[in-house]
Every structure is written in structure tokens, then in C-alpha cells.
Amino acid sequence: MTKFLEIKCLSPEEQERVEKEIDEAIARRIEEGILTEREIREIVEMKLRPQLDIQDVQSVYENHLFRDKK
């Protein structure tokens, strides 16, 4: 598979190890019949959305949570 993973807190070697483990897990699931090639392609083609940072979320809701009730 192509390179699909970037975890900034891991070294390149650690990232390669994680990618290899993911590839092996996917291959096992295909062999066991849990996933089909079509399902894998659908997952690969999915657009991922970044996780929100807690600082971003906090700034959105802060005014609603801590305002004076009058």
C-alpha cells in the first residue's frame, strides 16, 4: 500500500512499523473474509476530516458555558 499515515510525534521508523501493522491487519481481514477488496477501496477513497483541537472547541463554546445567567 502507499504511504497514508503521518503521526508527528513518532519517528519515521515508528511510523513505518505502525503502517506495516495496519497493512498486515487489513491483509488478515481480507483472508478471513471480513473485508472485501471493494470495501477496502471504499475506505481508501473516504475523505478524512481532521479532529478538532480542544482549544478550538473550547473557544466556540466558552461564551455559552460561562456567561452570566440574568
PDB file of N, CA and C in Angstrom:
ATOM      1  N   MET A   1       0.843  -1.196   0.000  1.00  0.00           N
ATOM      2  CA  MET A   1       0.000   0.000   0.000  1.00  0.00           C
ATOM      3  C   MET A   1       0.879   1.247   0.000  1.00  0.00           C
ATOM      4  N   THR A   2       0.283   2.360  -0.369  1.00  0.00           N
ATOM      5  CA  THR A   2       1.019   3.612  -0.387  1.00  0.00           C
ATOM      6  C   THR A   2       1.088   4.216   1.011  1.00  0.00           C
ATOM      7  N   LYS A   3       1.977   5.156   1.170  1.00  0.00           N
ATOM      8  CA  LYS A   3       2.133   5.822   2.457  1.00  0.00           C
ATOM      9  C   LYS A   3       0.877   6.642   2.745  1.00  0.00           C
ATOM     10  N   PHE A   4       0.247   6.379   3.866  1.00  0.00           N
ATOM     11  CA  PHE A   4      -1.008   7.037   4.171  1.00  0.00           C
ATOM     12  C   PHE A   4      -1.056   7.617   5.575  1.00  0.00           C
ATOM     13  N   LEU A   5      -0.002   7.498   6.319  1.00  0.00           N
ATOM     14  CA  LEU A   5      -0.041   7.821   7.727  1.00  0.00           C
ATOM     15  C   LEU A   5       1.037   8.835   8.080  1.00  0.00           C
ATOM     16  N   GLU A   6       0.656   9.839   8.851  1.00  0.00           N
ATOM     17  CA  GLU A   6       1.643  10.783   9.379  1.00  0.00           C
ATOM     18  C   GLU A   6       1.269  11.094  10.818  1.00  0.00           C
ATOM     19  N   ILE A   7       2.096  10.632  11.726  1.00  0.00           N
ATOM     20  CA  ILE A   7       1.913  10.920  13.142  1.00  0.00           C
ATOM     21  C   ILE A   7       3.163  11.659  13.580  1.00  0.00           C
ATOM     22  N   LYS A   8       3.019  12.937  13.809  1.00  0.00           N
ATOM     23  CA  LYS A   8       4.191  13.792  14.021  1.00  0.00           C
ATOM     24  C   LYS A   8       5.001  13.438  15.256  1.00  0.00           C
ATOM     25  N   CYS A   9       4.367  12.828  16.255  1.00  0.00           N
ATOM     26  CA  CYS A   9       5.119  12.505  17.474  1.00  0.00           C
ATOM     27  C   CYS A   9       5.918  11.208  17.346  1.00  0.00           C
ATOM     28  N   LEU A  10       5.767  10.496  16.223  1.00  0.00           N
ATOM     29  CA  LEU A  10       6.518   9.261  16.010  1.00  0.00           C
ATOM     30  C   LEU A  10       7.675   9.496  15.048  1.00  0.00           C
ATOM     31  N   SER A  11       8.719   8.739  15.250  1.00  0.00           N
ATOM     32  CA  SER A  11       9.852   8.799  14.321  1.00  0.00           C
ATOM     33  C   SER A  11       9.438   8.123  13.014  1.00  0.00           C
ATOM     34  N   PRO A  12      10.171   8.385  11.928  1.00  0.00           N
ATOM     35  CA  PRO A  12       9.841   7.720  10.652  1.00  0.00           C
ATOM     36  C   PRO A  12       9.841   6.194  10.767  1.00  0.00           C
ATOM     37  N   GLU A  13      10.755   5.646  11.557  1.00  0.00           N
ATOM     38  CA  GLU A  13      10.806   4.197  11.741  1.00  0.00           C
ATOM     39  C   GLU A  13       9.559   3.697  12.457  1.00  0.00           C
ATOM     40  N   GLU A  14       9.128   4.424  13.483  1.00  0.00           N
ATOM     41  CA  GLU A  14       7.925   4.029  14.211  1.00  0.00           C
ATOM     42  C   GLU A  14       6.685   4.131  13.316  1.00  0.00           C
ATOM     43  N   GLN A  15       6.643   5.167  12.480  1.00  0.00           N
ATOM     44  CA  GLN A  15       5.525   5.310  11.554  1.00  0.00           C
ATOM     45  C   GLN A  15       5.484   4.136  10.576  1.00  0.00           C
ATOM     46  N   GLU A  16       6.640   3.735  10.085  1.00  0.00           N
ATOM     47  CA  GLU A  16       6.707   2.590   9.171  1.00  0.00           C
ATOM     48  C   GLU A  16       6.225   1.321   9.853  1.00  0.00           C
ATOM     49  N   ARG A  17       6.592   1.147  11.113  1.00  0.00           N
ATOM     50  CA  ARG A  17       6.163  -0.040  11.868  1.00  0.00           C
ATOM     51  C   ARG A  17       4.641  -0.055  12.025  1.00  0.00           C
ATOM     52  N   VAL A  18       4.068   1.099  12.365  1.00  0.00           N
ATOM     53  CA  VAL A  18       2.612   1.196  12.520  1.00  0.00           C
ATOM     54  C   VAL A  18       1.923   0.919  11.185  1.00  0.00           C
ATOM     55  N   GLU A  19       2.440   1.493  10.102  1.00  0.00           N
ATOM     56  CA  GLU A  19       1.873   1.253   8.775  1.00  0.00           C
ATOM     57  C   GLU A  19       1.919  -0.231   8.419  1.00  0.00           C
ATOM     58  N   LYS A  20       3.037  -0.877   8.736  1.00  0.00           N
ATOM     59  CA  LYS A  20       3.181  -2.300   8.446  1.00  0.00           C
ATOM     60  C   LYS A  20       2.158  -3.116   9.232  1.00  0.00           C
ATOM     61  N   GLU A  21       1.967  -2.760  10.501  1.00  0.00           N
ATOM     62  CA  GLU A  21       0.985  -3.466  11.327  1.00  0.00           C
ATOM     63  C   GLU A  21      -0.429  -3.282  10.763  1.00  0.00           C
ATOM     64  N   ILE A  22      -0.743  -2.080  10.292  1.00  0.00           N
ATOM     65  CA  ILE A  22      -2.055  -1.821   9.699  1.00  0.00           C
ATOM     66  C   ILE A  22      -2.225  -2.633   8.424  1.00  0.00           C
ATOM     67  N   ASP A  23      -1.209  -2.625   7.566  1.00  0.00           N
ATOM     68  CA  ASP A  23      -1.260  -3.403   6.326  1.00  0.00           C
ATOM     69  C   ASP A  23      -1.479  -4.888   6.613  1.00  0.00           C
ATOM     70  N   GLU A  24      -0.769  -5.412   7.613  1.00  0.00           N
ATOM     71  CA  GLU A  24      -0.914  -6.823   7.972  1.00  0.00           C
ATOM     72  C   GLU A  24      -2.312  -7.122   8.501  1.00  0.00           C
ATOM     73  N   ALA A  25      -2.860  -6.216   9.307  1.00  0.00           N
ATOM     74  CA  ALA A  25      -4.210  -6.414   9.845  1.00  0.00           C
ATOM     75  C   ALA A  25      -5.247  -6.407   8.726  1.00  0.00           C
ATOM     76  N   ILE A  26      -5.086  -5.512   7.763  1.00  0.00           N
ATOM     77  CA  ILE A  26      -6.007  -5.458   6.624  1.00  0.00           C
ATOM     78  C   ILE A  26      -5.903  -6.745   5.813  1.00  0.00           C
ATOM     79  N   ALA A  27      -4.691  -7.201   5.556  1.00  0.00           N
ATOM     80  CA  ALA A  27      -4.491  -8.435   4.788  1.00  0.00           C
ATOM     81  C   ALA A  27      -5.139  -9.625   5.500  1.00  0.00           C
ATOM     82  N   ARG A  28      -4.993  -9.700   6.819  1.00  0.00           N
ATOM     83  CA  ARG A  28      -5.618 -10.776   7.599  1.00  0.00           C
ATOM     84  C   ARG A  28      -7.138 -10.741   7.455  1.00  0.00           C
ATOM     85  N   ARG A  29      -7.707  -9.534   7.531  1.00  0.00           N
ATOM     86  CA  ARG A  29      -9.166  -9.415   7.435  1.00  0.00           C
ATOM     87  C   ARG A  29      -9.677  -9.796   6.047  1.00  0.00           C
ATOM     88  N   ILE A  30      -8.887  -9.501   5.024  1.00  0.00           N
ATOM     89  CA  ILE A  30      -9.261  -9.918   3.666  1.00  0.00           C
ATOM     90  C   ILE A  30      -9.210 -11.446   3.568  1.00  0.00           C
ATOM     91  N   GLU A  31      -8.139 -12.051   4.085  1.00  0.00           N
ATOM     92  CA  GLU A  31      -8.001 -13.510   4.041  1.00  0.00           C
ATOM     93  C   GLU A  31      -9.124 -14.204   4.807  1.00  0.00           C
ATOM     94  N   GLU A  32      -9.540 -13.616   5.939  1.00  0.00           N
ATOM     95  CA  GLU A  32     -10.587 -14.215   6.766  1.00  0.00           C
ATOM     96  C   GLU A  32     -11.986 -13.935   6.205  1.00  0.00           C
ATOM     97  N   GLY A  33     -12.062 -13.099   5.174  1.00  0.00           N
ATOM     98  CA  GLY A  33     -13.357 -12.790   4.577  1.00  0.00           C
ATOM     99  C   GLY A  33     -14.140 -11.726   5.316  1.00  0.00           C
ATOM    100  N   ILE A  34     -13.489 -11.041   6.242  1.00  0.00           N
ATOM    101  CA  ILE A  34     -14.169  -9.978   6.998  1.00  0.00           C
ATOM    102  C   ILE A  34     -14.339  -8.737   6.135  1.00  0.00           C
ATOM    103  N   LEU A  35     -13.335  -8.440   5.310  1.00  0.00           N
ATOM    104  CA  LEU A  35     -13.385  -7.300   4.401  1.00  0.00           C
ATOM    105  C   LEU A  35     -13.186  -7.776   2.971  1.00  0.00           C
ATOM    106  N   THR A  36     -13.837  -7.081   2.035  1.00  0.00           N
ATOM    107  CA  THR A  36     -13.632  -7.383   0.620  1.00  0.00           C
ATOM    108  C   THR A  36     -12.735  -6.311   0.015  1.00  0.00           C
ATOM    109  N   GLU A  37     -12.206  -6.598  -1.161  1.00  0.00           N
ATOM    110  CA  GLU A  37     -11.382  -5.604  -1.864  1.00  0.00           C
ATOM    111  C   GLU A  37     -12.193  -4.328  -2.115  1.00  0.00           C
ATOM    112  N   ARG A  38     -13.465  -4.485  -2.430  1.00  0.00           N
ATOM    113  CA  ARG A  38     -14.334  -3.325  -2.684  1.00  0.00           C
ATOM    114  C   ARG A  38     -14.457  -2.455  -1.432  1.00  0.00           C
ATOM    115  N   GLU A  39     -14.654  -3.081  -0.277  1.00  0.00           N
ATOM    116  CA  GLU A  39     -14.764  -2.324   0.972  1.00  0.00           C
ATOM    117  C   GLU A  39     -13.460  -1.586   1.275  1.00  0.00           C
ATOM    118  N   ILE A  40     -12.339  -2.229   0.996  1.00  0.00           N
ATOM    119  CA  ILE A  40     -11.041  -1.580   1.208  1.00  0.00           C
ATOM    120  C   ILE A  40     -10.925  -0.353   0.317  1.00  0.00           C
ATOM    121  N   ARG A  41     -11.297  -0.482  -0.957  1.00  0.00           N
ATOM    122  CA  ARG A  41     -11.245   0.669  -1.879  1.00  0.00           C
ATOM    123  C   ARG A  41     -12.141   1.799  -1.394  1.00  0.00           C
ATOM    124  N   GLU A  42     -13.342   1.465  -0.893  1.00  0.00           N
ATOM    125  CA  GLU A  42     -14.248   2.491  -0.384  1.00  0.00           C
ATOM    126  C   GLU A  42     -13.631   3.227   0.797  1.00  0.00           C
ATOM    127  N   ILE A  43     -12.983   2.480   1.680  1.00  0.00           N
ATOM    128  CA  ILE A  43     -12.339   3.097   2.847  1.00  0.00           C
ATOM    129  C   ILE A  43     -11.191   3.987   2.400  1.00  0.00           C
ATOM    130  N   VAL A  44     -10.396   3.511   1.444  1.00  0.00           N
ATOM    131  CA  VAL A  44      -9.254   4.284   0.947  1.00  0.00           C
ATOM    132  C   VAL A  44      -9.726   5.598   0.319  1.00  0.00           C
ATOM    133  N   GLU A  45     -10.847   5.563  -0.371  1.00  0.00           N
ATOM    134  CA  GLU A  45     -11.340   6.748  -1.071  1.00  0.00           C
ATOM    135  C   GLU A  45     -12.080   7.736  -0.164  1.00  0.00           C
ATOM    136  N   MET A  46     -12.342   7.365   1.084  1.00  0.00           N
ATOM    137  CA  MET A  46     -13.042   8.263   2.002  1.00  0.00           C
ATOM    138  C   MET A  46     -12.211   9.513   2.253  1.00  0.00           C
ATOM    139  N   LYS A  47     -12.897  10.637   2.335  1.00  0.00           N
ATOM    140  CA  LYS A  47     -12.218  11.881   2.703  1.00  0.00           C
ATOM    141  C   LYS A  47     -12.228  11.980   4.222  1.00  0.00           C
ATOM    142  N   LEU A  48     -11.065  12.151   4.774  1.00  0.00           N
ATOM    143  CA  LEU A  48     -10.952  12.279   6.226  1.00  0.00           C
ATOM    144  C   LEU A  48     -11.046  13.734   6.633  1.00  0.00           C
ATOM    145  N   ARG A  49     -11.694  13.943   7.743  1.00  0.00           N
ATOM    146  CA  ARG A  49     -11.762  15.291   8.296  1.00  0.00           C
ATOM    147  C   ARG A  49     -10.887  15.339   9.541  1.00  0.00           C
ATOM    148  N   PRO A  50     -10.142  16.398   9.712  1.00  0.00           N
ATOM    149  CA  PRO A  50      -9.255  16.468  10.878  1.00  0.00           C
ATOM    150  C   PRO A  50     -10.041  16.536  12.187  1.00  0.00           C
ATOM    151  N   GLN A  51      -9.456  15.977  13.221  1.00  0.00           N
ATOM    152  CA  GLN A  51     -10.046  16.065  14.544  1.00  0.00           C
ATOM    153  C   GLN A  51      -9.923  17.498  15.045  1.00  0.00           C
ATOM    154  N   LEU A  52     -10.939  17.952  15.752  1.00  0.00           N
ATOM    155  CA  LEU A  52     -10.872  19.291  16.327  1.00  0.00           C
ATOM    156  C   LEU A  52      -9.904  19.303  17.495  1.00  0.00           C
ATOM    157  N   ASP A  53      -9.189  20.371  17.608  1.00  0.00           N
ATOM    158  CA  ASP A  53      -8.311  20.579  18.742  1.00  0.00           C
ATOM    159  C   ASP A  53      -9.166  21.099  19.889  1.00  0.00           C
ATOM    160  N   ILE A  54      -8.890  20.665  21.104  1.00  0.00           N
ATOM    161  CA  ILE A  54      -9.690  21.089  22.260  1.00  0.00           C
ATOM    162  C   ILE A  54      -9.687  22.606  22.409  1.00  0.00           C
ATOM    163  N   GLN A  55      -8.604  23.248  22.016  1.00  0.00           N
ATOM    164  CA  GLN A  55      -8.560  24.702  22.100  1.00  0.00           C
ATOM    165  C   GLN A  55      -9.567  25.338  21.141  1.00  0.00           C
ATOM    166  N   ASP A  56      -9.734  24.751  19.954  1.00  0.00           N
ATOM    167  CA  ASP A  56     -10.722  25.258  19.003  1.00  0.00           C
ATOM    168  C   ASP A  56     -12.135  25.074  19.535  1.00  0.00           C
ATOM    169  N   VAL A  57     -12.408  23.902  20.074  1.00  0.00           N
ATOM    170  CA  VAL A  57     -13.746  23.614  20.591  1.00  0.00           C
ATOM    171  C   VAL A  57     -14.056  24.520  21.773  1.00  0.00           C
ATOM    172  N   GLN A  58     -13.111  24.672  22.656  1.00  0.00           N
ATOM    173  CA  GLN A  58     -13.326  25.489  23.845  1.00  0.00           C
ATOM    174  C   GLN A  58     -13.694  26.918  23.459  1.00  0.00           C
ATOM    175  N   SER A  59     -13.016  27.488  22.488  1.00  0.00           N
ATOM    176  CA  SER A  59     -13.288  28.867  22.116  1.00  0.00           C
ATOM    177  C   SER A  59     -14.672  29.021  21.492  1.00  0.00           C
ATOM    178  N   VAL A  60     -15.190  27.972  20.885  1.00  0.00           N
ATOM    179  CA  VAL A  60     -16.525  28.034  20.286  1.00  0.00           C
ATOM    180  C   VAL A  60     -17.595  28.041  21.365  1.00  0.00           C
ATOM    181  N   TYR A  61     -17.443  27.202  22.385  1.00  0.00           N
ATOM    182  CA  TYR A  61     -18.481  27.035  23.392  1.00  0.00           C
ATOM    183  C   TYR A  61     -18.277  27.856  24.652  1.00  0.00           C
ATOM    184  N   GLU A  62     -17.147  28.456  24.821  1.00  0.00           N
ATOM    185  CA  GLU A  62     -16.830  29.160  26.050  1.00  0.00           C
ATOM    186  C   GLU A  62     -17.868  30.223  26.399  1.00  0.00           C
ATOM    187  N   ASN A  63     -18.283  31.026  25.446  1.00  0.00           N
ATOM    188  CA  ASN A  63     -19.236  32.099  25.722  1.00  0.00           C
ATOM    189  C   ASN A  63     -20.583  31.559  26.186  1.00  0.00           C
ATOM    190  N   HIS A  64     -20.968  30.409  25.701  1.00  0.00           N
ATOM    191  CA  HIS A  64     -22.255  29.832  26.078  1.00  0.00           C
ATOM    192  C   HIS A  64     -22.200  29.160  27.439  1.00  0.00           C
ATOM    193  N   LEU A  65     -21.082  28.628  27.803  1.00  0.00           N
ATOM    194  CA  LEU A  65     -20.971  27.894  29.054  1.00  0.00           C
ATOM    195  C   LEU A  65     -20.751  28.794  30.262  1.00  0.00           C
ATOM    196  N   PHE A  66     -20.047  29.895  30.062  1.00  0.00           N
ATOM    197  CA  PHE A  66     -19.629  30.697  31.203  1.00  0.00           C
ATOM    198  C   PHE A  66     -20.266  32.084  31.228  1.00  0.00           C
ATOM    199  N   ARG A  67     -21.357  32.259  30.559  1.00  0.00           N
ATOM    200  CA  ARG A  67     -21.977  33.580  30.587  1.00  0.00           C
ATOM    201  C   ARG A  67     -22.869  33.708  31.817  1.00  0.00           C
ATOM    202  N   ASP A  68     -23.075  34.935  32.271  1.00  0.00           N
ATOM    203  CA  ASP A  68     -23.930  35.203  33.426  1.00  0.00           C
ATOM    204  C   ASP A  68     -25.373  34.927  33.062  1.00  0.00           C
ATOM    205  N   LYS A  69     -26.087  34.269  33.989  1.00  0.00           N
ATOM    206  CA  LYS A  69     -27.494  33.986  33.769  1.00  0.00           C
ATOM    207  C   LYS A  69     -28.303  35.119  34.409  1.00  0.00           C
ATOM    208  N   LYS A  70     -28.856  35.978  33.567  1.00  0.00           N
ATOM    209  CA  LYS A  70     -29.631  37.108  34.082  1.00  0.00           C
ATOM    210  C   LYS A  70     -31.007  37.109  33.493  1.00  0.00           C
TER     211      LYS A  70
END
